Amino acid sequence: MHFTKMQGLGNDYLYVYGEVPADIAALSRRLSDRHFGAGADGMIYIAPSDKAHFSMRIFNADGSEASMCGNGIRCVGKYVFEKGYTDKTEITVDTLAGIKTLHLDVKAGKVETVSVEMGTAAVEAETQVEAAGQTVSLTPVDVGNPHAVIFCEDAESAPVAAIGSAIEHHERFPGGVNVEFVSLLKPNTLCMRVWERGSGITMACGTGACASVAAAVKKGLVAPGTEIEVVLDGGSLYITVDTNNAILMRGSAAFVYEGEI
C-alpha cells in the first residue's frame, strides 16, 4: 500500500487514494502508532464521488471513524491538485458531515493555502459538568462533529490531558466529544489547545478552531464577520463566522513524505 503523510499545522494523517479496506480500524491503529508505525493522528482515504468531486473518510489513531477534519480536508485539497487528480481551484468534497467546498490558493502550480466553507455551527448555551474532580463550564458546539469549548484565562497552561480526557468520555456526550481550551490573546486573536476525540492531544484541530470562534462570537469575545486568528500548538488558522453562524476556515497544508508498506 502506498501512502502520503501530510500535515496541517502539525495535525498529521496518512493519506491513501482508493477504497477503504475491511480491516481499516486495525490498520489505522497500527500505522498511526508513533513508535511501531508510520506515526500519525490517523488515516484519511480519498476517492472519486458521485455526489461531489471527491470523497474523504477519516479514521482516528484509535481506529474510530470521524465525520470531519478541518486540517485533513485542507490537505485533501492540496493532495488532489498537486497529484493531478484535478486542475480545478474550487472543488467539493463529500464527508460524513456533508459536502464541503474548497477554494485553493495556487501559486506556481503549488497550493499555498486552502479556504474551506465549513457549513454552519450549532452553538448551545453554556453548561457545567463535573470532570476530574472539578466543575467545568463549557459551550457545546456542533460543526459536523461535536465539540466542547472551555474558555479559560490561559489556554497554554490549561490541564488539557486531565480535563480533556474526562470530558471526552463524559455521560453528557455519549458519542464522545472533542474538547477545546480557549483564551483571548488580544482583539481578534484566540489561543486554543485541543484534546481530540480518539486521538488525544494534537498540534491543531480545524473543526475545533471553527467551534471555538463560533462559541467566542456567541459569548461576545469576538465580532461576527471578522477573520479571527486562532493560534494553535502547530501554527495559526484564520476563521470567519458570520451572523448566521456560517464558517469559513483558511489555513495551510503540507506534504511530509511518501511511504509504502
C-alpha atoms as a PDB file:
ATOM      1  CA  MET A   1       0.000   0.000   0.000  1.00  0.00           C
ATOM      2  CA  HIS A   2       1.276   3.456  -0.927  1.00  0.00           C
ATOM      3  CA  PHE A   3       0.501   6.345   1.412  1.00  0.00           C
ATOM      4  CA  THR A   4       1.355  10.022   1.661  1.00  0.00           C
ATOM      5  CA  LYS A   5       1.937  11.623   5.024  1.00  0.00           C
ATOM      6  CA  MET A   6       0.625  15.194   5.170  1.00  0.00           C
ATOM      7  CA  GLN A   7       0.067  17.712   7.932  1.00  0.00           C
ATOM      8  CA  GLY A   8      -1.990  20.812   8.558  1.00  0.00           C
ATOM      9  CA  LEU A   9      -0.380  22.759  11.417  1.00  0.00           C
ATOM     10  CA  GLY A  10       1.092  19.531  12.770  1.00  0.00           C
ATOM     11  CA  ASN A  11      -2.230  17.641  12.668  1.00  0.00           C
ATOM     12  CA  ASP A  12      -0.842  14.741  10.613  1.00  0.00           C
ATOM     13  CA  TYR A  13      -2.556  11.935   8.742  1.00  0.00           C
ATOM     14  CA  LEU A  14      -1.620   9.184   6.316  1.00  0.00           C
ATOM     15  CA  TYR A  15      -3.453   9.766   3.012  1.00  0.00           C
ATOM     16  CA  VAL A  16      -4.433   6.976   0.624  1.00  0.00           C
ATOM     17  CA  TYR A  17      -6.212   7.386  -2.712  1.00  0.00           C
ATOM     18  CA  GLY A  18      -8.517   4.383  -3.091  1.00  0.00           C
ATOM     19  CA  GLU A  19     -11.132   2.240  -1.424  1.00  0.00           C
ATOM     20  CA  VAL A  20     -11.236   1.781   2.343  1.00  0.00           C
ATOM     21  CA  PRO A  21     -10.147  -1.761   3.300  1.00  0.00           C
ATOM     22  CA  ALA A  22     -12.217  -4.011   5.549  1.00  0.00           C
ATOM     23  CA  ASP A  23      -9.564  -4.018   8.284  1.00  0.00           C
ATOM     24  CA  ILE A  24      -9.277  -0.216   8.442  1.00  0.00           C
ATOM     25  CA  ALA A  25      -9.664   0.063  12.233  1.00  0.00           C
ATOM     26  CA  ALA A  26      -6.731  -2.263  12.927  1.00  0.00           C
ATOM     27  CA  LEU A  27      -4.708  -0.751  10.062  1.00  0.00           C
ATOM     28  CA  SER A  28      -5.185   2.808  11.333  1.00  0.00           C
ATOM     29  CA  ARG A  29      -4.196   1.814  14.866  1.00  0.00           C
ATOM     30  CA  ARG A  30      -1.055   0.038  13.627  1.00  0.00           C
ATOM     31  CA  LEU A  31       0.176   2.651  11.165  1.00  0.00           C
ATOM     32  CA  SER A  32      -0.700   5.628  13.405  1.00  0.00           C
ATOM     33  CA  ASP A  33       1.460   4.320  16.253  1.00  0.00           C
ATOM     34  CA  ARG A  34       4.363   6.753  16.635  1.00  0.00           C
ATOM     35  CA  HIS A  35       6.781   4.083  17.871  1.00  0.00           C
ATOM     36  CA  PHE A  36       5.886   0.973  15.860  1.00  0.00           C
ATOM     37  CA  GLY A  37       4.134   2.505  12.831  1.00  0.00           C
ATOM     38  CA  ALA A  38       4.475   5.468  10.498  1.00  0.00           C
ATOM     39  CA  GLY A  39       3.154   7.820  13.185  1.00  0.00           C
ATOM     40  CA  ALA A  40       0.043   9.922  12.660  1.00  0.00           C
ATOM     41  CA  ASP A  41      -3.197  11.199  14.167  1.00  0.00           C
ATOM     42  CA  GLY A  42      -4.967   8.737  11.873  1.00  0.00           C
ATOM     43  CA  MET A  43      -5.630   7.848   8.225  1.00  0.00           C
ATOM     44  CA  ILE A  44      -7.649   9.604   5.521  1.00  0.00           C
ATOM     45  CA  TYR A  45      -8.906   7.844   2.399  1.00  0.00           C
ATOM     46  CA  ILE A  46      -9.697   9.858  -0.749  1.00  0.00           C
ATOM     47  CA  ALA A  47     -11.836   8.610  -3.640  1.00  0.00           C
ATOM     48  CA  PRO A  48     -13.933   9.928  -6.544  1.00  0.00           C
ATOM     49  CA  SER A  49     -17.548  10.670  -5.603  1.00  0.00           C
ATOM     50  CA  ASP A  50     -20.858  10.688  -7.442  1.00  0.00           C
ATOM     51  CA  LYS A  51     -22.056  13.454  -5.079  1.00  0.00           C
ATOM     52  CA  ALA A  52     -19.016  15.753  -5.267  1.00  0.00           C
ATOM     53  CA  HIS A  53     -15.623  15.932  -6.968  1.00  0.00           C
ATOM     54  CA  PHE A  54     -14.097  13.718  -4.254  1.00  0.00           C
ATOM     55  CA  SER A  55     -14.975  11.963  -1.020  1.00  0.00           C
ATOM     56  CA  MET A  56     -12.935  11.621   2.150  1.00  0.00           C
ATOM     57  CA  ARG A  57     -13.184   9.229   5.094  1.00  0.00           C
ATOM     58  CA  ILE A  58     -11.273   9.854   8.301  1.00  0.00           C
ATOM     59  CA  PHE A  59     -10.055   7.228  10.762  1.00  0.00           C
ATOM     60  CA  ASN A  60      -8.526   8.223  14.086  1.00  0.00           C
ATOM     61  CA  ALA A  61      -5.422   6.758  15.669  1.00  0.00           C
ATOM     62  CA  ASP A  62      -7.650   4.531  17.839  1.00  0.00           C
ATOM     63  CA  GLY A  63      -9.409   3.110  14.757  1.00  0.00           C
ATOM     64  CA  SER A  64     -12.676   5.016  15.205  1.00  0.00           C
ATOM     65  CA  GLU A  65     -14.160   6.933  12.276  1.00  0.00           C
ATOM     66  CA  ALA A  66     -14.548  10.728  12.419  1.00  0.00           C
ATOM     67  CA  SER A  67     -17.150  12.664  10.465  1.00  0.00           C
ATOM     68  CA  MET A  68     -14.988  15.683   9.660  1.00  0.00           C
ATOM     69  CA  CYS A  69     -11.436  17.041   9.993  1.00  0.00           C
ATOM     70  CA  GLY A  70     -10.694  20.655   9.113  1.00  0.00           C
ATOM     71  CA  ASN A  71      -6.926  20.245   8.836  1.00  0.00           C
ATOM     72  CA  GLY A  72      -7.387  16.977   6.982  1.00  0.00           C
ATOM     73  CA  ILE A  73      -9.714  18.375   4.339  1.00  0.00           C
ATOM     74  CA  ARG A  74      -7.265  21.180   3.513  1.00  0.00           C
ATOM     75  CA  CYS A  75      -4.623  18.529   2.897  1.00  0.00           C
ATOM     76  CA  VAL A  76      -7.076  16.672   0.650  1.00  0.00           C
ATOM     77  CA  GLY A  77      -7.356  19.804  -1.490  1.00  0.00           C
ATOM     78  CA  LYS A  78      -3.577  20.069  -1.858  1.00  0.00           C
ATOM     79  CA  TYR A  79      -3.261  16.313  -2.475  1.00  0.00           C
ATOM     80  CA  VAL A  80      -5.750  16.041  -5.346  1.00  0.00           C
ATOM     81  CA  PHE A  81      -4.487  19.199  -7.078  1.00  0.00           C
ATOM     82  CA  GLU A  82      -0.749  18.606  -6.842  1.00  0.00           C
ATOM     83  CA  LYS A  83      -1.036  14.893  -7.674  1.00  0.00           C
ATOM     84  CA  GLY A  84      -3.008  15.745 -10.809  1.00  0.00           C
ATOM     85  CA  TYR A  85      -6.424  14.348  -9.893  1.00  0.00           C
ATOM     86  CA  THR A  86      -7.948  17.769 -10.691  1.00  0.00           C
ATOM     87  CA  ASP A  87      -6.952  21.069 -12.258  1.00  0.00           C
ATOM     88  CA  LYS A  88      -9.794  22.966 -10.589  1.00  0.00           C
ATOM     89  CA  THR A  89      -9.098  25.547  -7.896  1.00  0.00           C
ATOM     90  CA  GLU A  90     -12.623  25.208  -6.479  1.00  0.00           C
ATOM     91  CA  ILE A  91     -13.622  21.676  -5.590  1.00  0.00           C
ATOM     92  CA  THR A  92     -16.227  19.892  -3.498  1.00  0.00           C
ATOM     93  CA  VAL A  93     -15.536  17.064  -1.053  1.00  0.00           C
ATOM     94  CA  ASP A  94     -18.161  14.692   0.305  1.00  0.00           C
ATOM     95  CA  THR A  95     -17.702  13.945   4.024  1.00  0.00           C
ATOM     96  CA  LEU A  96     -19.823  12.282   6.702  1.00  0.00           C
ATOM     97  CA  ALA A  97     -20.579  15.857   7.823  1.00  0.00           C
ATOM     98  CA  GLY A  98     -21.861  16.836   4.359  1.00  0.00           C
ATOM     99  CA  ILE A  99     -20.363  18.282   1.189  1.00  0.00           C
ATOM    100  CA  LYS A 100     -17.718  20.978   1.751  1.00  0.00           C
ATOM    101  CA  THR A 101     -16.450  23.500  -0.835  1.00  0.00           C
ATOM    102  CA  LEU A 102     -12.711  24.183  -1.002  1.00  0.00           C
ATOM    103  CA  HIS A 103     -11.004  27.192  -2.587  1.00  0.00           C
ATOM    104  CA  LEU A 104      -7.361  26.532  -3.457  1.00  0.00           C
ATOM    105  CA  ASP A 105      -4.850  29.398  -3.455  1.00  0.00           C
ATOM    106  CA  VAL A 106      -2.393  28.214  -6.126  1.00  0.00           C
ATOM    107  CA  LYS A 107       0.899  29.881  -6.966  1.00  0.00           C
ATOM    108  CA  ALA A 108       3.442  28.431  -9.439  1.00  0.00           C
ATOM    109  CA  GLY A 109       1.488  25.169  -9.527  1.00  0.00           C
ATOM    110  CA  LYS A 110       1.559  24.675  -5.762  1.00  0.00           C
ATOM    111  CA  VAL A 111      -1.313  25.022  -3.297  1.00  0.00           C
ATOM    112  CA  GLU A 112      -0.208  27.548  -0.674  1.00  0.00           C
ATOM    113  CA  THR A 113      -3.393  27.815   1.403  1.00  0.00           C
ATOM    114  CA  VAL A 114      -6.886  26.338   1.297  1.00  0.00           C
ATOM    115  CA  SER A 115     -10.124  28.048   2.338  1.00  0.00           C
ATOM    116  CA  VAL A 116     -12.991  25.756   3.280  1.00  0.00           C
ATOM    117  CA  GLU A 117     -16.692  26.552   3.580  1.00  0.00           C
ATOM    118  CA  MET A 118     -17.279  24.533   6.725  1.00  0.00           C
ATOM    119  CA  GLY A 119     -21.057  24.866   6.968  1.00  0.00           C
ATOM    120  CA  THR A 120     -22.988  26.239   9.919  1.00  0.00           C
ATOM    121  CA  ALA A 121     -22.173  25.949  13.610  1.00  0.00           C
ATOM    122  CA  ALA A 122     -24.859  24.954  16.096  1.00  0.00           C
ATOM    123  CA  VAL A 123     -23.866  26.647  19.360  1.00  0.00           C
ATOM    124  CA  GLU A 124     -25.661  25.616  22.550  1.00  0.00           C
ATOM    125  CA  ALA A 125     -25.940  27.527  25.809  1.00  0.00           C
ATOM    126  CA  GLU A 126     -23.031  27.304  28.235  1.00  0.00           C
ATOM    127  CA  THR A 127     -23.403  24.433  30.679  1.00  0.00           C
ATOM    128  CA  GLN A 128     -21.491  22.871  33.559  1.00  0.00           C
ATOM    129  CA  VAL A 129     -20.218  19.319  34.024  1.00  0.00           C
ATOM    130  CA  GLU A 130     -18.187  17.524  36.681  1.00  0.00           C
ATOM    131  CA  ALA A 131     -14.862  16.298  35.307  1.00  0.00           C
ATOM    132  CA  ALA A 132     -11.644  15.186  37.013  1.00  0.00           C
ATOM    133  CA  GLY A 133     -12.976  16.402  40.366  1.00  0.00           C
ATOM    134  CA  GLN A 134     -13.783  19.889  39.070  1.00  0.00           C
ATOM    135  CA  THR A 135     -16.876  21.787  37.954  1.00  0.00           C
ATOM    136  CA  VAL A 136     -16.160  22.836  34.380  1.00  0.00           C
ATOM    137  CA  SER A 137     -18.142  25.406  32.369  1.00  0.00           C
ATOM    138  CA  LEU A 138     -18.245  24.608  28.662  1.00  0.00           C
ATOM    139  CA  THR A 139     -20.105  25.506  25.484  1.00  0.00           C
ATOM    140  CA  PRO A 140     -21.247  22.580  23.298  1.00  0.00           C
ATOM    141  CA  VAL A 141     -20.831  23.295  19.577  1.00  0.00           C
ATOM    142  CA  ASP A 142     -21.632  21.091  16.586  1.00  0.00           C
ATOM    143  CA  VAL A 143     -19.797  21.825  13.324  1.00  0.00           C
ATOM    144  CA  GLY A 144     -20.481  18.449  11.726  1.00  0.00           C
ATOM    145  CA  ASN A 145     -18.741  16.811  14.669  1.00  0.00           C
ATOM    146  CA  PRO A 146     -19.176  17.533  18.394  1.00  0.00           C
ATOM    147  CA  HIS A 147     -17.075  19.952  20.441  1.00  0.00           C
ATOM    148  CA  ALA A 148     -16.965  21.213  23.995  1.00  0.00           C
ATOM    149  CA  VAL A 149     -15.358  24.664  24.172  1.00  0.00           C
ATOM    150  CA  ILE A 150     -13.904  25.744  27.515  1.00  0.00           C
ATOM    151  CA  PHE A 151     -12.920  29.396  27.952  1.00  0.00           C
ATOM    152  CA  CYS A 152     -10.091  29.980  30.407  1.00  0.00           C
ATOM    153  CA  GLU A 153      -7.564  32.621  31.410  1.00  0.00           C
ATOM    154  CA  ASP A 154      -4.592  30.898  29.786  1.00  0.00           C
ATOM    155  CA  ALA A 155      -5.070  28.032  27.335  1.00  0.00           C
ATOM    156  CA  GLU A 156      -1.316  27.366  27.314  1.00  0.00           C
ATOM    157  CA  SER A 157      -1.341  26.238  30.941  1.00  0.00           C
ATOM    158  CA  ALA A 158      -4.751  24.519  30.894  1.00  0.00           C
ATOM    159  CA  PRO A 159      -4.905  20.866  32.102  1.00  0.00           C
ATOM    160  CA  VAL A 160      -5.708  19.599  28.609  1.00  0.00           C
ATOM    161  CA  ALA A 161      -4.961  15.908  29.230  1.00  0.00           C
ATOM    162  CA  ALA A 162      -6.709  15.572  32.602  1.00  0.00           C
ATOM    163  CA  ILE A 163      -9.842  17.584  31.827  1.00  0.00           C
ATOM    164  CA  GLY A 164      -9.953  16.773  28.108  1.00  0.00           C
ATOM    165  CA  SER A 165      -9.875  13.012  28.555  1.00  0.00           C
ATOM    166  CA  ALA A 166     -12.509  13.159  31.301  1.00  0.00           C
ATOM    167  CA  ILE A 167     -14.902  15.258  29.215  1.00  0.00           C
ATOM    168  CA  GLU A 168     -14.324  13.194  26.050  1.00  0.00           C
ATOM    169  CA  HIS A 169     -15.919  10.224  27.820  1.00  0.00           C
ATOM    170  CA  HIS A 170     -18.408  12.179  29.959  1.00  0.00           C
ATOM    171  CA  GLU A 171     -22.006  10.921  30.060  1.00  0.00           C
ATOM    172  CA  ARG A 172     -23.117  14.347  28.762  1.00  0.00           C
ATOM    173  CA  PHE A 173     -21.536  13.310  25.434  1.00  0.00           C
ATOM    174  CA  PRO A 174     -22.458   9.646  24.878  1.00  0.00           C
ATOM    175  CA  GLY A 175     -20.692   9.526  21.495  1.00  0.00           C
ATOM    176  CA  GLY A 176     -17.576  11.253  22.808  1.00  0.00           C
ATOM    177  CA  VAL A 177     -16.537  14.837  22.142  1.00  0.00           C
ATOM    178  CA  ASN A 178     -13.563  16.972  21.110  1.00  0.00           C
ATOM    179  CA  VAL A 179     -12.509  19.387  23.867  1.00  0.00           C
ATOM    180  CA  GLU A 180     -11.028  22.846  23.251  1.00  0.00           C
ATOM    181  CA  PHE A 181      -9.367  25.130  25.815  1.00  0.00           C
ATOM    182  CA  VAL A 182      -9.555  28.738  24.602  1.00  0.00           C
ATOM    183  CA  SER A 183      -8.292  32.103  25.822  1.00  0.00           C
ATOM    184  CA  LEU A 184      -8.340  35.587  24.302  1.00  0.00           C
ATOM    185  CA  LEU A 185      -4.780  36.686  23.462  1.00  0.00           C
ATOM    186  CA  LYS A 186      -5.700  40.097  22.041  1.00  0.00           C
ATOM    187  CA  PRO A 187      -8.551  41.552  19.946  1.00  0.00           C
ATOM    188  CA  ASN A 188      -9.401  39.153  17.072  1.00  0.00           C
ATOM    189  CA  THR A 189      -6.854  36.574  18.259  1.00  0.00           C
ATOM    190  CA  LEU A 190      -7.593  33.424  20.251  1.00  0.00           C
ATOM    191  CA  CYS A 191      -5.229  30.821  21.712  1.00  0.00           C
ATOM    192  CA  MET A 192      -6.542  27.251  21.566  1.00  0.00           C
ATOM    193  CA  ARG A 193      -5.298  23.854  22.718  1.00  0.00           C
ATOM    194  CA  VAL A 194      -7.219  20.693  21.996  1.00  0.00           C
ATOM    195  CA  TRP A 195      -7.954  17.170  23.173  1.00  0.00           C
ATOM    196  CA  GLU A 196      -9.287  15.354  20.113  1.00  0.00           C
ATOM    197  CA  ARG A 197     -11.785  12.529  20.409  1.00  0.00           C
ATOM    198  CA  GLY A 198      -9.977   9.296  19.571  1.00  0.00           C
ATOM    199  CA  SER A 199      -6.515  10.889  19.250  1.00  0.00           C
ATOM    200  CA  GLY A 200      -5.760  12.803  22.475  1.00  0.00           C
ATOM    201  CA  ILE A 201      -3.692  15.998  22.429  1.00  0.00           C
ATOM    202  CA  THR A 202      -2.913  17.094  18.863  1.00  0.00           C
ATOM    203  CA  MET A 203      -0.987  20.028  17.417  1.00  0.00           C
ATOM    204  CA  ALA A 204      -4.115  21.513  15.825  1.00  0.00           C
ATOM    205  CA  CYS A 205      -7.791  20.878  15.108  1.00  0.00           C
ATOM    206  CA  GLY A 206      -9.522  22.714  12.268  1.00  0.00           C
ATOM    207  CA  THR A 207     -13.084  21.962  13.305  1.00  0.00           C
ATOM    208  CA  GLY A 208     -12.102  22.798  16.883  1.00  0.00           C
ATOM    209  CA  ALA A 209     -10.872  26.224  15.777  1.00  0.00           C
ATOM    210  CA  CYS A 210     -14.180  26.759  13.958  1.00  0.00           C
ATOM    211  CA  ALA A 211     -16.171  25.692  17.015  1.00  0.00           C
ATOM    212  CA  SER A 212     -14.074  27.923  19.273  1.00  0.00           C
ATOM    213  CA  VAL A 213     -14.641  31.039  17.165  1.00  0.00           C
ATOM    214  CA  ALA A 214     -18.377  30.282  16.901  1.00  0.00           C
ATOM    215  CA  ALA A 215     -18.555  29.970  20.693  1.00  0.00           C
ATOM    216  CA  ALA A 216     -16.485  33.150  21.117  1.00  0.00           C
ATOM    217  CA  VAL A 217     -18.878  35.048  18.835  1.00  0.00           C
ATOM    218  CA  LYS A 218     -21.824  33.847  20.929  1.00  0.00           C
ATOM    219  CA  LYS A 219     -20.003  34.867  24.118  1.00  0.00           C
ATOM    220  CA  GLY A 220     -19.217  38.318  22.679  1.00  0.00           C
ATOM    221  CA  LEU A 221     -15.447  37.906  22.805  1.00  0.00           C
ATOM    222  CA  VAL A 222     -15.051  38.463  19.053  1.00  0.00           C
ATOM    223  CA  ALA A 223     -17.267  40.014  16.385  1.00  0.00           C
ATOM    224  CA  PRO A 224     -19.139  38.098  13.689  1.00  0.00           C
ATOM    225  CA  GLY A 225     -17.999  38.582  10.094  1.00  0.00           C
ATOM    226  CA  THR A 226     -14.402  39.253  11.173  1.00  0.00           C
ATOM    227  CA  GLU A 227     -11.479  36.958  10.349  1.00  0.00           C
ATOM    228  CA  ILE A 228     -10.159  35.670  13.675  1.00  0.00           C
ATOM    229  CA  GLU A 229      -6.673  34.263  14.105  1.00  0.00           C
ATOM    230  CA  VAL A 230      -6.651  31.072  16.180  1.00  0.00           C
ATOM    231  CA  VAL A 231      -3.168  30.272  17.500  1.00  0.00           C
ATOM    232  CA  LEU A 232      -2.644  26.524  17.999  1.00  0.00           C
ATOM    233  CA  ASP A 233       0.380  24.453  19.018  1.00  0.00           C
ATOM    234  CA  GLY A 234       1.163  23.845  15.322  1.00  0.00           C
ATOM    235  CA  GLY A 235       0.530  27.360  13.974  1.00  0.00           C
ATOM    236  CA  SER A 236      -2.395  29.641  13.137  1.00  0.00           C
ATOM    237  CA  LEU A 237      -5.741  29.163  11.421  1.00  0.00           C
ATOM    238  CA  TYR A 238      -7.964  32.009  10.255  1.00  0.00           C
ATOM    239  CA  ILE A 239     -11.689  31.608  10.912  1.00  0.00           C
ATOM    240  CA  THR A 240     -14.639  33.813   9.960  1.00  0.00           C
ATOM    241  CA  VAL A 241     -18.094  33.166  11.462  1.00  0.00           C
ATOM    242  CA  ASP A 242     -20.887  35.346  10.087  1.00  0.00           C
ATOM    243  CA  THR A 243     -24.119  36.425  11.799  1.00  0.00           C
ATOM    244  CA  ASN A 244     -25.812  33.218  10.593  1.00  0.00           C
ATOM    245  CA  ASN A 245     -23.026  31.076  12.092  1.00  0.00           C
ATOM    246  CA  ALA A 246     -21.701  30.114   8.627  1.00  0.00           C
ATOM    247  CA  ILE A 247     -17.970  29.334   8.854  1.00  0.00           C
ATOM    248  CA  LEU A 248     -15.027  29.954   6.531  1.00  0.00           C
ATOM    249  CA  MET A 249     -11.685  28.415   7.520  1.00  0.00           C
ATOM    250  CA  ARG A 250      -8.364  29.390   5.911  1.00  0.00           C
ATOM    251  CA  GLY A 251      -5.033  27.710   6.524  1.00  0.00           C
ATOM    252  CA  SER A 252      -2.026  25.840   5.200  1.00  0.00           C
ATOM    253  CA  ALA A 253      -1.413  22.220   4.213  1.00  0.00           C
ATOM    254  CA  ALA A 254       1.892  20.433   3.590  1.00  0.00           C
ATOM    255  CA  PHE A 255       3.391  17.184   2.355  1.00  0.00           C
ATOM    256  CA  VAL A 256       5.730  15.354   4.762  1.00  0.00           C
ATOM    257  CA  TYR A 257       6.800  12.175   2.901  1.00  0.00           C
ATOM    258  CA  GLU A 258       5.654   9.300   0.699  1.00  0.00           C
ATOM    259  CA  GLY A 259       5.729   5.738   2.012  1.00  0.00           C
ATOM    260  CA  GLU A 260       4.910   2.134   1.180  1.00  0.00           C
ATOM    261  CA  ILE A 261       4.026  -0.761   3.424  1.00  0.00           C
END
